């Protein structure tokens, strides 16, 4: 008995349009996982021991980096796939490619909000980093599990996928402890 969903071929594209199918759960997971990992790595890297804690500055950099990464990723996909279309279609497809990066940007927001709260309430840098990395690890588990269920995995397999995603967060926590 195989618990993994059977791969399905994407629907055919109309000739010459170069359009891609609508975003599916696995695509959302990529953006969510990538954005959460990016926010975790930035959170760990931005605050160094002995430096003044600047949570508003850090929050702005986490958000700007997430937005820039999303735009760069969407643009790169667009440039790789849409060379033959007319100018008008290329611009529309670029807009779609950029819009489809919203999960990556949204995934950075919990870290941004945490840092903004840290600045407003004068929280300690060490605590904010520890809570943020723990929160993001839990979010990686949630992204993986939720999307796996959504694309057809059974609950047990989906939880294992969530654990695999959470392992990335744990690796960042370990790297933060070792490097600092």
N, C-alpha and C. Protein backbone atom coordinates (compact mmCIF):
# COMPACT_ATOMS: atom_id res chain seq x y z
N UNK A 1 0.85 -1.16 0.00
CA UNK A 1 0.00 0.00 0.00
C UNK A 1 0.90 1.24 0.00
N UNK A 2 0.81 2.02 -1.03
CA UNK A 2 1.66 3.20 -1.18
C UNK A 2 0.91 4.43 -0.70
N UNK A 3 1.49 5.15 0.28
CA UNK A 3 0.83 6.33 0.84
C UNK A 3 1.10 7.58 0.03
N UNK A 4 2.04 7.53 -0.85
CA UNK A 4 2.40 8.73 -1.59
C UNK A 4 1.43 8.94 -2.74
N UNK A 5 1.06 10.20 -3.01
CA UNK A 5 0.14 10.46 -4.11
C UNK A 5 0.82 10.17 -5.44
N UNK A 6 0.02 9.75 -6.39
CA UNK A 6 0.54 9.48 -7.71
C UNK A 6 0.78 10.80 -8.43
N UNK A 7 1.95 10.97 -9.06
CA UNK A 7 2.20 12.23 -9.77
C UNK A 7 1.24 12.38 -10.93
N UNK A 8 0.81 13.59 -11.11
CA UNK A 8 -0.10 13.88 -12.22
C UNK A 8 0.59 14.85 -13.15
N UNK A 9 0.43 14.61 -14.43
CA UNK A 9 1.02 15.52 -15.40
C UNK A 9 0.26 16.84 -15.38
N UNK A 10 0.98 17.97 -15.50
CA UNK A 10 0.28 19.25 -15.54
C UNK A 10 -0.57 19.34 -16.79
N UNK A 11 -1.64 20.12 -16.74
CA UNK A 11 -2.47 20.25 -17.93
C UNK A 11 -1.66 20.88 -19.05
N UNK A 12 -1.99 20.52 -20.30
CA UNK A 12 -1.23 21.08 -21.41
C UNK A 12 -1.42 22.59 -21.49
N UNK A 13 -0.37 23.27 -21.95
CA UNK A 13 -0.43 24.72 -22.12
C UNK A 13 -0.94 25.04 -23.51
N UNK A 14 -1.74 26.09 -23.64
CA UNK A 14 -2.13 26.48 -24.98
C UNK A 14 -0.88 26.81 -25.80
N UNK A 15 -0.89 26.42 -27.03
CA UNK A 15 0.28 26.62 -27.90
C UNK A 15 0.71 28.07 -27.93
N UNK A 16 2.01 28.27 -27.66
CA UNK A 16 2.59 29.59 -27.80
C UNK A 16 2.36 30.55 -26.65
N UNK A 17 1.58 30.15 -25.62
CA UNK A 17 1.31 31.10 -24.56
C UNK A 17 2.35 31.04 -23.47
N UNK A 18 2.96 29.89 -23.24
CA UNK A 18 3.96 29.77 -22.20
C UNK A 18 3.40 29.93 -20.81
N UNK A 19 2.08 29.94 -20.65
CA UNK A 19 1.51 30.11 -19.33
C UNK A 19 1.68 28.84 -18.53
N UNK A 20 1.66 28.99 -17.23
CA UNK A 20 1.80 27.83 -16.37
C UNK A 20 0.51 27.61 -15.60
N UNK A 21 0.32 26.40 -15.09
CA UNK A 21 -0.89 26.14 -14.34
C UNK A 21 -0.94 26.98 -13.07
N UNK A 22 -2.13 27.08 -12.50
CA UNK A 22 -2.31 27.83 -11.25
C UNK A 22 -1.44 27.23 -10.16
N UNK A 23 -1.09 28.03 -9.15
CA UNK A 23 -0.26 27.58 -8.05
C UNK A 23 -0.96 26.46 -7.30
N UNK A 24 -0.18 25.44 -6.96
CA UNK A 24 -0.70 24.33 -6.19
C UNK A 24 -0.06 24.34 -4.82
N UNK A 25 -0.52 23.45 -3.95
CA UNK A 25 -0.02 23.40 -2.58
C UNK A 25 1.48 23.26 -2.46
N UNK A 26 2.08 22.44 -3.29
CA UNK A 26 3.52 22.24 -3.20
C UNK A 26 4.26 23.53 -3.50
N UNK A 27 3.74 24.34 -4.42
CA UNK A 27 4.36 25.63 -4.72
C UNK A 27 4.26 26.56 -3.52
N UNK A 28 3.14 26.54 -2.83
CA UNK A 28 2.97 27.36 -1.63
C UNK A 28 3.97 26.92 -0.57
N UNK A 29 4.13 25.60 -0.46
CA UNK A 29 5.04 25.09 0.55
C UNK A 29 6.45 25.58 0.26
N UNK A 30 6.86 25.57 -0.99
CA UNK A 30 8.20 26.06 -1.32
C UNK A 30 8.37 27.49 -0.82
N UNK A 31 7.44 28.35 -1.16
CA UNK A 31 7.54 29.74 -0.73
C UNK A 31 7.49 29.88 0.77
N UNK A 32 6.61 29.14 1.41
CA UNK A 32 6.50 29.21 2.87
C UNK A 32 7.74 28.71 3.57
N UNK A 33 8.25 27.58 3.13
CA UNK A 33 9.45 27.02 3.74
C UNK A 33 10.64 27.94 3.47
N UNK A 34 10.79 28.37 2.24
CA UNK A 34 11.92 29.22 1.90
C UNK A 34 11.88 30.54 2.68
N UNK A 35 10.73 31.16 2.75
CA UNK A 35 10.60 32.42 3.50
C UNK A 35 10.85 32.24 4.98
N UNK A 36 10.37 31.15 5.55
CA UNK A 36 10.57 30.90 6.97
C UNK A 36 12.04 30.60 7.27
N UNK A 37 12.68 29.81 6.42
CA UNK A 37 14.10 29.52 6.60
C UNK A 37 14.92 30.81 6.44
N UNK A 38 14.58 31.62 5.46
CA UNK A 38 15.27 32.89 5.26
C UNK A 38 15.13 33.79 6.48
N UNK A 39 13.92 33.91 7.01
CA UNK A 39 13.69 34.73 8.20
C UNK A 39 14.47 34.20 9.40
N UNK A 40 14.52 32.89 9.55
CA UNK A 40 15.27 32.29 10.66
C UNK A 40 16.76 32.58 10.55
N UNK A 41 17.30 32.39 9.36
CA UNK A 41 18.73 32.64 9.16
C UNK A 41 19.06 34.11 9.41
N UNK A 42 18.21 35.01 8.94
CA UNK A 42 18.44 36.43 9.18
C UNK A 42 18.34 36.77 10.67
N UNK A 43 17.34 36.21 11.33
CA UNK A 43 17.18 36.46 12.76
C UNK A 43 18.43 36.02 13.52
N UNK A 44 18.94 34.85 13.16
CA UNK A 44 20.14 34.35 13.83
C UNK A 44 21.36 35.20 13.51
N UNK A 45 21.45 35.70 12.29
CA UNK A 45 22.65 36.42 11.86
C UNK A 45 22.66 37.90 12.24
N UNK A 46 21.51 38.53 12.35
CA UNK A 46 21.47 39.97 12.54
C UNK A 46 21.94 40.42 13.91
N UNK A 47 21.69 39.64 14.91
CA UNK A 47 22.05 40.07 16.27
C UNK A 47 23.31 39.34 16.71
N UNK A 48 24.39 40.09 16.90
CA UNK A 48 25.65 39.52 17.36
C UNK A 48 25.86 39.89 18.82
N UNK A 49 26.46 39.00 19.56
CA UNK A 49 26.74 39.25 20.97
C UNK A 49 27.66 40.46 21.11
N UNK A 50 27.32 41.34 22.01
CA UNK A 50 28.11 42.53 22.23
C UNK A 50 27.63 43.74 21.44
N UNK A 51 26.78 43.52 20.44
CA UNK A 51 26.22 44.62 19.66
C UNK A 51 24.92 45.07 20.29
N UNK A 52 24.56 46.32 20.04
CA UNK A 52 23.27 46.81 20.51
C UNK A 52 22.16 46.10 19.73
N UNK A 53 21.11 45.73 20.43
CA UNK A 53 19.96 45.08 19.80
C UNK A 53 19.12 46.14 19.12
N UNK A 54 18.92 46.00 17.83
CA UNK A 54 18.17 46.97 17.03
C UNK A 54 16.99 46.27 16.36
N UNK A 55 15.93 45.97 17.10
CA UNK A 55 14.85 45.15 16.55
C UNK A 55 14.11 45.80 15.38
N UNK A 56 13.94 47.12 15.38
CA UNK A 56 13.23 47.75 14.25
C UNK A 56 14.07 47.66 12.98
N UNK A 57 15.36 47.89 13.11
CA UNK A 57 16.29 47.74 12.00
C UNK A 57 16.29 46.30 11.50
N UNK A 58 16.37 45.35 12.43
CA UNK A 58 16.37 43.94 12.06
C UNK A 58 15.06 43.54 11.37
N UNK A 59 13.94 44.03 11.89
CA UNK A 59 12.64 43.72 11.28
C UNK A 59 12.58 44.24 9.84
N UNK A 60 13.10 45.45 9.64
CA UNK A 60 13.06 46.00 8.28
C UNK A 60 13.93 45.18 7.34
N UNK A 61 15.08 44.70 7.82
CA UNK A 61 15.94 43.90 6.96
C UNK A 61 15.35 42.51 6.67
N UNK A 62 14.70 41.93 7.63
CA UNK A 62 14.05 40.63 7.38
C UNK A 62 12.97 40.80 6.31
N UNK A 63 12.15 41.85 6.44
CA UNK A 63 11.09 42.07 5.46
C UNK A 63 11.64 42.42 4.08
N UNK A 64 12.59 43.34 4.03
CA UNK A 64 13.16 43.76 2.74
C UNK A 64 13.85 42.58 2.05
N UNK A 65 14.57 41.78 2.81
CA UNK A 65 15.25 40.63 2.22
C UNK A 65 14.25 39.60 1.72
N UNK A 66 13.17 39.35 2.49
CA UNK A 66 12.14 38.42 2.04
C UNK A 66 11.46 38.91 0.76
N UNK A 67 11.10 40.18 0.73
CA UNK A 67 10.45 40.74 -0.47
C UNK A 67 11.40 40.71 -1.66
N UNK A 68 12.64 41.06 -1.45
CA UNK A 68 13.62 41.05 -2.54
C UNK A 68 13.85 39.63 -3.05
N UNK A 69 13.96 38.68 -2.14
CA UNK A 69 14.15 37.28 -2.55
C UNK A 69 12.95 36.79 -3.35
N UNK A 70 11.74 37.15 -2.91
CA UNK A 70 10.55 36.75 -3.66
C UNK A 70 10.51 37.35 -5.05
N UNK A 71 10.82 38.63 -5.14
CA UNK A 71 10.83 39.29 -6.45
C UNK A 71 11.91 38.70 -7.35
N UNK A 72 13.09 38.47 -6.80
CA UNK A 72 14.17 37.89 -7.60
C UNK A 72 13.83 36.49 -8.07
N UNK A 73 13.20 35.70 -7.20
CA UNK A 73 12.82 34.34 -7.56
C UNK A 73 11.76 34.34 -8.66
N UNK A 74 10.74 35.17 -8.50
CA UNK A 74 9.70 35.27 -9.53
C UNK A 74 10.26 35.76 -10.86
N UNK A 75 11.13 36.76 -10.82
CA UNK A 75 11.74 37.30 -12.03
C UNK A 75 12.61 36.25 -12.72
N UNK A 76 13.39 35.50 -11.94
CA UNK A 76 14.24 34.46 -12.52
C UNK A 76 13.41 33.39 -13.21
N UNK A 77 12.32 32.96 -12.57
CA UNK A 77 11.45 31.97 -13.20
C UNK A 77 10.85 32.53 -14.48
N UNK A 78 10.43 33.77 -14.43
CA UNK A 78 9.84 34.40 -15.61
C UNK A 78 10.85 34.47 -16.76
N UNK A 79 12.05 34.90 -16.48
CA UNK A 79 13.07 35.04 -17.52
C UNK A 79 13.45 33.70 -18.12
N UNK A 80 13.43 32.65 -17.31
CA UNK A 80 13.78 31.33 -17.81
C UNK A 80 12.68 30.73 -18.68
N UNK A 81 11.44 31.16 -18.48
CA UNK A 81 10.33 30.49 -19.16
C UNK A 81 9.65 31.30 -20.25
N UNK A 82 9.82 32.59 -20.30
CA UNK A 82 8.98 33.41 -21.18
C UNK A 82 9.81 34.29 -22.12
N UNK A 83 10.55 33.65 -22.99
CA UNK A 83 11.37 34.42 -23.92
C UNK A 83 10.69 34.62 -25.26
N UNK A 84 9.80 33.75 -25.63
CA UNK A 84 9.25 33.76 -26.98
C UNK A 84 7.94 34.52 -27.13
N UNK A 85 7.33 34.94 -26.05
CA UNK A 85 6.01 35.57 -26.13
C UNK A 85 6.10 37.02 -26.60
N UNK A 86 4.95 37.57 -26.89
CA UNK A 86 4.88 38.98 -27.26
C UNK A 86 5.16 39.83 -26.02
N UNK A 87 5.49 41.09 -26.23
CA UNK A 87 5.83 41.97 -25.11
C UNK A 87 4.69 42.08 -24.11
N UNK A 88 3.47 42.26 -24.59
CA UNK A 88 2.32 42.39 -23.68
C UNK A 88 2.12 41.15 -22.83
N UNK A 89 2.23 39.98 -23.44
CA UNK A 89 2.07 38.73 -22.69
C UNK A 89 3.22 38.56 -21.70
N UNK A 90 4.43 38.92 -22.10
CA UNK A 90 5.57 38.81 -21.18
C UNK A 90 5.35 39.65 -19.93
N UNK A 91 4.85 40.87 -20.09
CA UNK A 91 4.59 41.73 -18.93
C UNK A 91 3.52 41.13 -18.03
N UNK A 92 2.46 40.58 -18.64
CA UNK A 92 1.40 39.96 -17.82
C UNK A 92 1.94 38.74 -17.10
N UNK A 93 2.74 37.94 -17.79
CA UNK A 93 3.30 36.74 -17.16
C UNK A 93 4.30 37.12 -16.07
N UNK A 94 5.04 38.22 -16.25
CA UNK A 94 5.94 38.70 -15.20
C UNK A 94 5.14 39.09 -13.96
N UNK A 95 4.03 39.79 -14.17
CA UNK A 95 3.19 40.18 -13.04
C UNK A 95 2.67 38.94 -12.29
N UNK A 96 2.28 37.93 -13.03
CA UNK A 96 1.79 36.69 -12.42
C UNK A 96 2.93 36.00 -11.66
N UNK A 97 4.10 35.93 -12.27
CA UNK A 97 5.24 35.28 -11.62
C UNK A 97 5.61 36.00 -10.32
N UNK A 98 5.59 37.32 -10.34
CA UNK A 98 5.91 38.08 -9.13
C UNK A 98 4.83 37.90 -8.07
N UNK A 99 3.56 37.93 -8.48
CA UNK A 99 2.46 37.75 -7.54
C UNK A 99 2.53 36.38 -6.87
N UNK A 100 2.94 35.37 -7.62
CA UNK A 100 2.98 34.01 -7.09
C UNK A 100 4.04 33.81 -6.01
N UNK A 101 4.84 34.81 -5.73
CA UNK A 101 5.85 34.71 -4.68
C UNK A 101 5.33 35.18 -3.32
N UNK A 102 4.03 35.47 -3.21
CA UNK A 102 3.49 35.97 -1.95
C UNK A 102 3.74 35.04 -0.76
N UNK A 103 3.73 33.71 -0.91
CA UNK A 103 3.96 32.88 0.28
C UNK A 103 5.34 33.11 0.89
N UNK A 104 6.34 33.36 0.07
CA UNK A 104 7.68 33.60 0.58
C UNK A 104 7.69 34.87 1.44
N UNK A 105 7.07 35.92 0.96
CA UNK A 105 7.05 37.19 1.68
C UNK A 105 6.22 37.07 2.96
N UNK A 106 5.06 36.45 2.85
CA UNK A 106 4.19 36.29 4.02
C UNK A 106 4.88 35.45 5.10
N UNK A 107 5.67 34.47 4.68
CA UNK A 107 6.34 33.60 5.65
C UNK A 107 7.36 34.34 6.51
N UNK A 108 7.82 35.50 6.06
CA UNK A 108 8.76 36.28 6.88
C UNK A 108 8.03 37.13 7.93
N UNK A 109 6.72 37.32 7.78
CA UNK A 109 6.00 38.24 8.65
C UNK A 109 5.97 37.86 10.14
N UNK A 110 5.87 36.57 10.52
CA UNK A 110 5.92 36.28 11.96
C UNK A 110 7.22 36.77 12.61
N UNK A 111 8.33 36.63 11.92
CA UNK A 111 9.60 37.11 12.45
C UNK A 111 9.62 38.63 12.50
N UNK A 112 9.08 39.27 11.47
CA UNK A 112 9.02 40.73 11.44
C UNK A 112 8.16 41.24 12.59
N UNK A 113 7.00 40.64 12.80
CA UNK A 113 6.10 41.06 13.89
C UNK A 113 6.78 40.83 15.25
N UNK A 114 7.44 39.71 15.41
CA UNK A 114 8.15 39.43 16.66
C UNK A 114 9.20 40.51 16.94
N UNK A 115 9.96 40.87 15.93
CA UNK A 115 10.99 41.91 16.11
C UNK A 115 10.37 43.27 16.39
N UNK A 116 9.27 43.58 15.74
CA UNK A 116 8.59 44.86 16.02
C UNK A 116 8.08 44.88 17.47
N UNK A 117 7.52 43.78 17.93
CA UNK A 117 7.06 43.70 19.32
C UNK A 117 8.26 43.82 20.28
N UNK A 118 9.37 43.21 19.91
CA UNK A 118 10.57 43.31 20.75
C UNK A 118 11.01 44.76 20.89
N UNK A 119 10.91 45.52 19.81
CA UNK A 119 11.27 46.92 19.87
C UNK A 119 10.28 47.74 20.68
N UNK A 120 9.00 47.45 20.52
CA UNK A 120 7.97 48.20 21.25
C UNK A 120 8.00 47.92 22.75
N UNK A 121 8.28 46.68 23.12
CA UNK A 121 8.20 46.29 24.52
C UNK A 121 9.57 46.08 25.17
N UNK A 122 10.63 46.43 24.46
CA UNK A 122 11.99 46.38 24.98
C UNK A 122 12.37 44.98 25.47
N UNK A 123 12.12 43.98 24.62
CA UNK A 123 12.47 42.61 24.96
C UNK A 123 13.96 42.37 24.75
N UNK A 124 14.48 41.39 25.44
CA UNK A 124 15.88 41.00 25.39
C UNK A 124 16.19 40.31 24.05
N UNK A 125 17.36 40.61 23.48
CA UNK A 125 17.76 40.07 22.18
C UNK A 125 17.86 38.55 22.20
N UNK A 126 18.47 37.99 23.25
CA UNK A 126 18.64 36.54 23.32
C UNK A 126 17.28 35.84 23.33
N UNK A 127 16.36 36.35 24.15
CA UNK A 127 15.03 35.75 24.24
C UNK A 127 14.29 35.84 22.92
N UNK A 128 14.36 37.00 22.28
CA UNK A 128 13.68 37.19 20.99
C UNK A 128 14.23 36.22 19.96
N UNK A 129 15.55 36.07 19.91
CA UNK A 129 16.15 35.15 18.94
C UNK A 129 15.73 33.72 19.23
N UNK A 130 15.78 33.31 20.49
CA UNK A 130 15.39 31.94 20.85
C UNK A 130 13.91 31.68 20.54
N UNK A 131 13.05 32.62 20.91
CA UNK A 131 11.62 32.46 20.64
C UNK A 131 11.36 32.46 19.13
N UNK A 132 12.02 33.36 18.42
CA UNK A 132 11.83 33.44 16.97
C UNK A 132 12.27 32.18 16.25
N UNK A 133 13.42 31.64 16.64
CA UNK A 133 13.88 30.41 16.00
C UNK A 133 12.97 29.23 16.34
N UNK A 134 12.50 29.18 17.58
CA UNK A 134 11.55 28.12 17.96
C UNK A 134 10.23 28.26 17.22
N UNK A 135 9.72 29.49 17.15
CA UNK A 135 8.47 29.75 16.42
C UNK A 135 8.61 29.35 14.96
N UNK A 136 9.71 29.75 14.34
CA UNK A 136 9.90 29.43 12.92
C UNK A 136 10.06 27.93 12.68
N UNK A 137 10.67 27.22 13.64
CA UNK A 137 10.76 25.76 13.51
C UNK A 137 9.38 25.14 13.57
N UNK A 138 8.54 25.64 14.48
CA UNK A 138 7.16 25.15 14.55
C UNK A 138 6.39 25.48 13.26
N UNK A 139 6.63 26.66 12.72
CA UNK A 139 5.97 27.04 11.47
C UNK A 139 6.44 26.16 10.30
N UNK A 140 7.71 25.79 10.29
CA UNK A 140 8.19 24.88 9.24
C UNK A 140 7.48 23.54 9.34
N UNK A 141 7.30 23.05 10.56
CA UNK A 141 6.54 21.81 10.75
C UNK A 141 5.11 21.97 10.23
N UNK A 142 4.49 23.10 10.56
CA UNK A 142 3.11 23.34 10.13
C UNK A 142 3.01 23.47 8.61
N UNK A 143 3.92 24.23 7.99
CA UNK A 143 3.91 24.36 6.53
C UNK A 143 3.99 22.99 5.88
N UNK A 144 4.97 22.21 6.29
CA UNK A 144 5.16 20.89 5.68
C UNK A 144 3.99 19.97 5.87
N UNK A 145 3.48 19.89 7.09
CA UNK A 145 2.36 18.98 7.38
C UNK A 145 1.09 19.41 6.66
N UNK A 146 0.76 20.69 6.75
CA UNK A 146 -0.47 21.21 6.15
C UNK A 146 -0.48 21.01 4.64
N UNK A 147 0.60 21.39 3.99
CA UNK A 147 0.62 21.29 2.54
C UNK A 147 0.66 19.84 2.09
N UNK A 148 1.37 18.99 2.82
CA UNK A 148 1.39 17.57 2.46
C UNK A 148 0.00 16.96 2.52
N UNK A 149 -0.76 17.29 3.57
CA UNK A 149 -2.15 16.81 3.65
C UNK A 149 -2.96 17.37 2.48
N UNK A 150 -2.74 18.63 2.20
CA UNK A 150 -3.51 19.31 1.15
C UNK A 150 -3.26 18.72 -0.23
N UNK A 151 -2.04 18.27 -0.51
CA UNK A 151 -1.76 17.71 -1.83
C UNK A 151 -1.99 16.20 -1.89
N UNK A 152 -2.48 15.61 -0.78
CA UNK A 152 -2.93 14.22 -0.87
C UNK A 152 -2.20 13.20 -0.02
N UNK A 153 -1.24 13.59 0.78
CA UNK A 153 -0.58 12.63 1.66
C UNK A 153 -1.49 12.29 2.83
N UNK A 154 -1.35 11.08 3.33
CA UNK A 154 -2.07 10.70 4.54
C UNK A 154 -1.43 11.38 5.73
N UNK A 155 -2.16 11.43 6.83
CA UNK A 155 -1.73 12.19 8.00
C UNK A 155 -0.36 11.76 8.51
N UNK A 156 -0.12 10.47 8.63
CA UNK A 156 1.18 9.99 9.13
C UNK A 156 2.34 10.45 8.26
N UNK A 157 2.18 10.30 6.96
CA UNK A 157 3.22 10.75 6.04
C UNK A 157 3.37 12.26 6.08
N UNK A 158 2.25 12.97 6.19
CA UNK A 158 2.29 14.43 6.24
C UNK A 158 3.04 14.91 7.48
N UNK A 159 2.84 14.24 8.60
CA UNK A 159 3.55 14.63 9.82
C UNK A 159 5.05 14.38 9.68
N UNK A 160 5.43 13.30 8.99
CA UNK A 160 6.85 13.04 8.74
C UNK A 160 7.45 14.12 7.84
N UNK A 161 6.69 14.56 6.85
CA UNK A 161 7.16 15.64 5.98
C UNK A 161 7.31 16.92 6.80
N UNK A 162 6.36 17.19 7.69
CA UNK A 162 6.47 18.34 8.57
C UNK A 162 7.71 18.25 9.45
N UNK A 163 8.01 17.06 9.95
CA UNK A 163 9.22 16.88 10.77
C UNK A 163 10.47 17.12 9.94
N UNK A 164 10.46 16.69 8.69
CA UNK A 164 11.61 16.93 7.82
C UNK A 164 11.82 18.43 7.63
N UNK A 165 10.73 19.17 7.43
CA UNK A 165 10.84 20.62 7.29
C UNK A 165 11.31 21.26 8.59
N UNK A 166 10.80 20.79 9.71
CA UNK A 166 11.21 21.33 11.01
C UNK A 166 12.70 21.08 11.27
N UNK A 167 13.23 20.01 10.71
CA UNK A 167 14.65 19.70 10.87
C UNK A 167 15.51 20.83 10.32
N UNK A 168 15.04 21.52 9.29
CA UNK A 168 15.78 22.66 8.75
C UNK A 168 15.86 23.75 9.83
N UNK A 169 14.75 24.00 10.50
CA UNK A 169 14.75 24.97 11.59
C UNK A 169 15.67 24.56 12.72
N UNK A 170 15.66 23.28 13.05
CA UNK A 170 16.56 22.79 14.10
C UNK A 170 18.02 22.96 13.69
N UNK A 171 18.31 22.76 12.42
CA UNK A 171 19.68 22.96 11.93
C UNK A 171 20.11 24.41 12.08
N UNK A 172 19.20 25.33 11.85
CA UNK A 172 19.53 26.76 12.03
C UNK A 172 19.77 27.06 13.51
N UNK A 173 18.96 26.47 14.40
CA UNK A 173 19.16 26.66 15.83
C UNK A 173 20.54 26.14 16.25
N UNK A 174 20.90 24.96 15.79
CA UNK A 174 22.20 24.38 16.12
C UNK A 174 23.32 25.25 15.56
N UNK A 175 23.17 25.69 14.30
CA UNK A 175 24.20 26.53 13.69
C UNK A 175 24.34 27.85 14.46
N UNK A 176 23.24 28.41 14.90
CA UNK A 176 23.28 29.65 15.67
C UNK A 176 24.03 29.44 16.98
N UNK A 177 23.79 28.34 17.64
CA UNK A 177 24.47 28.05 18.91
C UNK A 177 25.96 27.81 18.69
N UNK A 178 26.32 27.10 17.63
CA UNK A 178 27.72 26.77 17.37
C UNK A 178 28.50 28.01 16.91
N UNK A 179 27.90 28.79 16.01
CA UNK A 179 28.60 29.93 15.42
C UNK A 179 28.76 31.05 16.44
N UNK A 180 27.73 31.28 17.26
CA UNK A 180 27.80 32.36 18.24
C UNK A 180 28.50 31.87 19.47
